Amino acid sequence: MELTLGIVARTLFDAEMGEEVHEVGASLDVVMAYFLDPMRWFRIREYLPTPSTLRHRRAIRGLDRIVYRII
């Protein structure tokens, strides 16, 4: 996955990912686990500061930071 992310970033954006590839991979794992969790049907969880919600928000902020840097 890290190799693919590096190739995509280089091909589409002419950007070097470097060590950020690890952060992107870890963040994507958190985001996918959040959306695959059966509790996703309960919208209230998005407003509660549960550990999974906090991890998800942190992962999204990290991805946003990296994507905006590339753009």
N, C-alpha and C. Protein backbone atom coordinates (compact mmCIF):
# COMPACT_ATOMS: atom_id res chain seq x y z
N MET A 1 0.82 -1.18 0.00
CA MET A 1 0.00 0.00 0.00
C MET A 1 0.87 1.25 0.00
N GLU A 2 1.98 1.21 0.74
CA GLU A 2 2.87 2.37 0.79
C GLU A 2 3.48 2.65 -0.58
N LEU A 3 3.86 1.60 -1.28
CA LEU A 3 4.41 1.77 -2.62
C LEU A 3 3.38 2.39 -3.55
N THR A 4 2.16 1.91 -3.48
CA THR A 4 1.08 2.44 -4.32
C THR A 4 0.82 3.91 -4.01
N LEU A 5 0.77 4.27 -2.73
CA LEU A 5 0.55 5.66 -2.36
C LEU A 5 1.68 6.55 -2.88
N GLY A 6 2.89 6.08 -2.78
CA GLY A 6 4.03 6.84 -3.28
C GLY A 6 3.96 7.05 -4.79
N ILE A 7 3.59 6.00 -5.50
CA ILE A 7 3.48 6.09 -6.96
C ILE A 7 2.35 7.03 -7.36
N VAL A 8 1.21 6.93 -6.70
CA VAL A 8 0.07 7.79 -7.01
C VAL A 8 0.42 9.26 -6.75
N ALA A 9 1.04 9.53 -5.62
CA ALA A 9 1.40 10.92 -5.29
C ALA A 9 2.40 11.47 -6.31
N ARG A 10 3.35 10.66 -6.69
CA ARG A 10 4.36 11.11 -7.65
C ARG A 10 3.76 11.30 -9.03
N THR A 11 2.89 10.39 -9.45
CA THR A 11 2.31 10.45 -10.79
C THR A 11 1.28 11.57 -10.92
N LEU A 12 0.36 11.66 -9.98
CA LEU A 12 -0.72 12.63 -10.10
C LEU A 12 -0.34 14.04 -9.68
N PHE A 13 0.50 14.14 -8.67
CA PHE A 13 0.78 15.46 -8.10
C PHE A 13 2.24 15.88 -8.20
N ASP A 14 3.09 15.03 -8.75
CA ASP A 14 4.53 15.29 -8.81
C ASP A 14 5.05 15.67 -7.43
N ALA A 15 4.62 14.91 -6.43
CA ALA A 15 5.00 15.17 -5.05
C ALA A 15 5.66 13.93 -4.45
N GLU A 16 6.68 14.17 -3.65
CA GLU A 16 7.34 13.09 -2.91
C GLU A 16 6.64 12.95 -1.56
N MET A 17 6.29 11.74 -1.21
CA MET A 17 5.60 11.50 0.05
C MET A 17 6.58 11.30 1.20
N GLY A 18 7.69 10.66 0.95
CA GLY A 18 8.66 10.41 2.00
C GLY A 18 8.08 9.60 3.14
N GLU A 19 8.31 10.07 4.35
CA GLU A 19 7.84 9.38 5.55
C GLU A 19 6.34 9.54 5.76
N GLU A 20 5.72 10.46 5.05
CA GLU A 20 4.28 10.66 5.20
C GLU A 20 3.48 9.46 4.71
N VAL A 21 4.09 8.62 3.92
CA VAL A 21 3.42 7.42 3.41
C VAL A 21 2.96 6.55 4.58
N HIS A 22 3.78 6.45 5.60
CA HIS A 22 3.42 5.64 6.77
C HIS A 22 2.20 6.24 7.48
N GLU A 23 2.21 7.57 7.62
CA GLU A 23 1.08 8.24 8.28
C GLU A 23 -0.20 8.09 7.47
N VAL A 24 -0.11 8.19 6.16
CA VAL A 24 -1.29 8.02 5.30
C VAL A 24 -1.83 6.60 5.44
N GLY A 25 -0.95 5.63 5.39
CA GLY A 25 -1.38 4.24 5.52
C GLY A 25 -2.06 3.97 6.85
N ALA A 26 -1.47 4.47 7.93
CA ALA A 26 -2.06 4.28 9.26
C ALA A 26 -3.40 5.00 9.37
N SER A 27 -3.48 6.21 8.83
CA SER A 27 -4.73 6.97 8.88
C SER A 27 -5.82 6.29 8.07
N LEU A 28 -5.47 5.76 6.92
CA LEU A 28 -6.47 5.06 6.11
C LEU A 28 -6.97 3.80 6.80
N ASP A 29 -6.09 3.11 7.52
CA ASP A 29 -6.52 1.95 8.30
C ASP A 29 -7.55 2.34 9.36
N VAL A 30 -7.30 3.46 10.05
CA VAL A 30 -8.23 3.94 11.08
C VAL A 30 -9.57 4.31 10.45
N VAL A 31 -9.53 5.05 9.34
CA VAL A 31 -10.76 5.49 8.68
C VAL A 31 -11.57 4.29 8.19
N MET A 32 -10.91 3.32 7.59
CA MET A 32 -11.62 2.14 7.09
C MET A 32 -12.23 1.34 8.24
N ALA A 33 -11.49 1.19 9.34
CA ALA A 33 -12.01 0.45 10.49
C ALA A 33 -13.23 1.17 11.07
N TYR A 34 -13.20 2.49 11.08
CA TYR A 34 -14.32 3.27 11.60
C TYR A 34 -15.58 3.04 10.76
N PHE A 35 -15.43 3.02 9.45
CA PHE A 35 -16.59 2.85 8.58
C PHE A 35 -17.04 1.40 8.46
N LEU A 36 -16.20 0.46 8.79
CA LEU A 36 -16.59 -0.95 8.75
C LEU A 36 -17.17 -1.43 10.07
N ASP A 37 -17.10 -0.60 11.09
CA ASP A 37 -17.63 -0.94 12.40
C ASP A 37 -19.16 -0.99 12.34
N PRO A 38 -19.79 -2.04 12.88
CA PRO A 38 -21.25 -2.14 12.85
C PRO A 38 -21.95 -0.98 13.58
N MET A 39 -21.26 -0.30 14.46
CA MET A 39 -21.85 0.82 15.18
C MET A 39 -22.05 2.05 14.29
N ARG A 40 -21.60 1.98 13.04
CA ARG A 40 -21.72 3.13 12.14
C ARG A 40 -23.17 3.50 11.88
N TRP A 41 -24.09 2.58 12.11
CA TRP A 41 -25.50 2.85 11.87
C TRP A 41 -26.08 3.80 12.91
N PHE A 42 -25.40 3.97 14.02
CA PHE A 42 -25.87 4.86 15.08
C PHE A 42 -25.17 6.21 14.92
N ARG A 43 -25.87 7.15 14.34
CA ARG A 43 -25.28 8.46 14.02
C ARG A 43 -24.83 9.21 15.27
N ILE A 44 -25.39 8.89 16.42
CA ILE A 44 -25.03 9.59 17.65
C ILE A 44 -23.55 9.42 17.96
N ARG A 45 -22.97 8.35 17.52
CA ARG A 45 -21.56 8.08 17.84
C ARG A 45 -20.64 9.14 17.24
N GLU A 46 -21.06 9.78 16.16
CA GLU A 46 -20.23 10.83 15.56
C GLU A 46 -20.10 12.04 16.47
N TYR A 47 -21.02 12.20 17.40
CA TYR A 47 -21.02 13.36 18.28
C TYR A 47 -20.45 13.06 19.65
N LEU A 48 -20.25 11.79 19.96
CA LEU A 48 -19.71 11.40 21.26
C LEU A 48 -18.20 11.27 21.18
N PRO A 49 -17.48 11.67 22.22
CA PRO A 49 -16.02 11.58 22.19
C PRO A 49 -15.51 10.19 22.59
N THR A 50 -15.95 9.17 21.85
CA THR A 50 -15.48 7.81 22.13
C THR A 50 -14.07 7.66 21.57
N PRO A 51 -13.30 6.69 22.05
CA PRO A 51 -11.94 6.52 21.53
C PRO A 51 -11.89 6.31 20.01
N SER A 52 -12.83 5.54 19.46
CA SER A 52 -12.80 5.32 18.02
C SER A 52 -13.13 6.59 17.25
N THR A 53 -14.04 7.39 17.77
CA THR A 53 -14.38 8.65 17.11
C THR A 53 -13.21 9.63 17.16
N LEU A 54 -12.53 9.70 18.29
CA LEU A 54 -11.38 10.58 18.41
C LEU A 54 -10.24 10.14 17.48
N ARG A 55 -10.01 8.83 17.39
CA ARG A 55 -8.99 8.33 16.46
C ARG A 55 -9.36 8.67 15.03
N HIS A 56 -10.63 8.51 14.69
CA HIS A 56 -11.11 8.81 13.34
C HIS A 56 -10.90 10.29 13.01
N ARG A 57 -11.27 11.17 13.91
CA ARG A 57 -11.10 12.60 13.69
C ARG A 57 -9.63 12.97 13.53
N ARG A 58 -8.76 12.37 14.35
CA ARG A 58 -7.33 12.63 14.27
C ARG A 58 -6.77 12.15 12.93
N ALA A 59 -7.24 10.99 12.48
CA ALA A 59 -6.79 10.45 11.20
C ALA A 59 -7.22 11.34 10.04
N ILE A 60 -8.44 11.84 10.09
CA ILE A 60 -8.95 12.72 9.05
C ILE A 60 -8.15 14.02 9.02
N ARG A 61 -7.85 14.58 10.19
CA ARG A 61 -7.03 15.81 10.24
C ARG A 61 -5.66 15.57 9.64
N GLY A 62 -5.07 14.43 9.94
CA GLY A 62 -3.76 14.10 9.38
C GLY A 62 -3.79 13.97 7.87
N LEU A 63 -4.81 13.29 7.36
CA LEU A 63 -4.96 13.14 5.91
C LEU A 63 -5.20 14.49 5.25
N ASP A 64 -6.03 15.31 5.85
CA ASP A 64 -6.27 16.66 5.31
C ASP A 64 -4.98 17.45 5.23
N ARG A 65 -4.18 17.41 6.29
CA ARG A 65 -2.93 18.16 6.32
C ARG A 65 -2.01 17.72 5.18
N ILE A 66 -1.90 16.42 4.97
CA ILE A 66 -1.02 15.90 3.93
C ILE A 66 -1.54 16.24 2.54
N VAL A 67 -2.83 16.07 2.33
CA VAL A 67 -3.42 16.36 1.02
C VAL A 67 -3.29 17.84 0.70
N TYR A 68 -3.56 18.73 1.67
CA TYR A 68 -3.45 20.15 1.40
C TYR A 68 -2.01 20.56 1.13
N ARG A 69 -1.05 19.89 1.76
CA ARG A 69 0.36 20.19 1.48
C ARG A 69 0.69 19.81 0.04
N ILE A 70 0.16 18.67 -0.41
CA ILE A 70 0.43 18.22 -1.78
C ILE A 70 -0.20 19.16 -2.79
N ILE A 71 -1.43 19.56 -2.50
CA ILE A 71 -2.13 20.46 -3.42
C ILE A 71 -1.45 21.81 -3.46
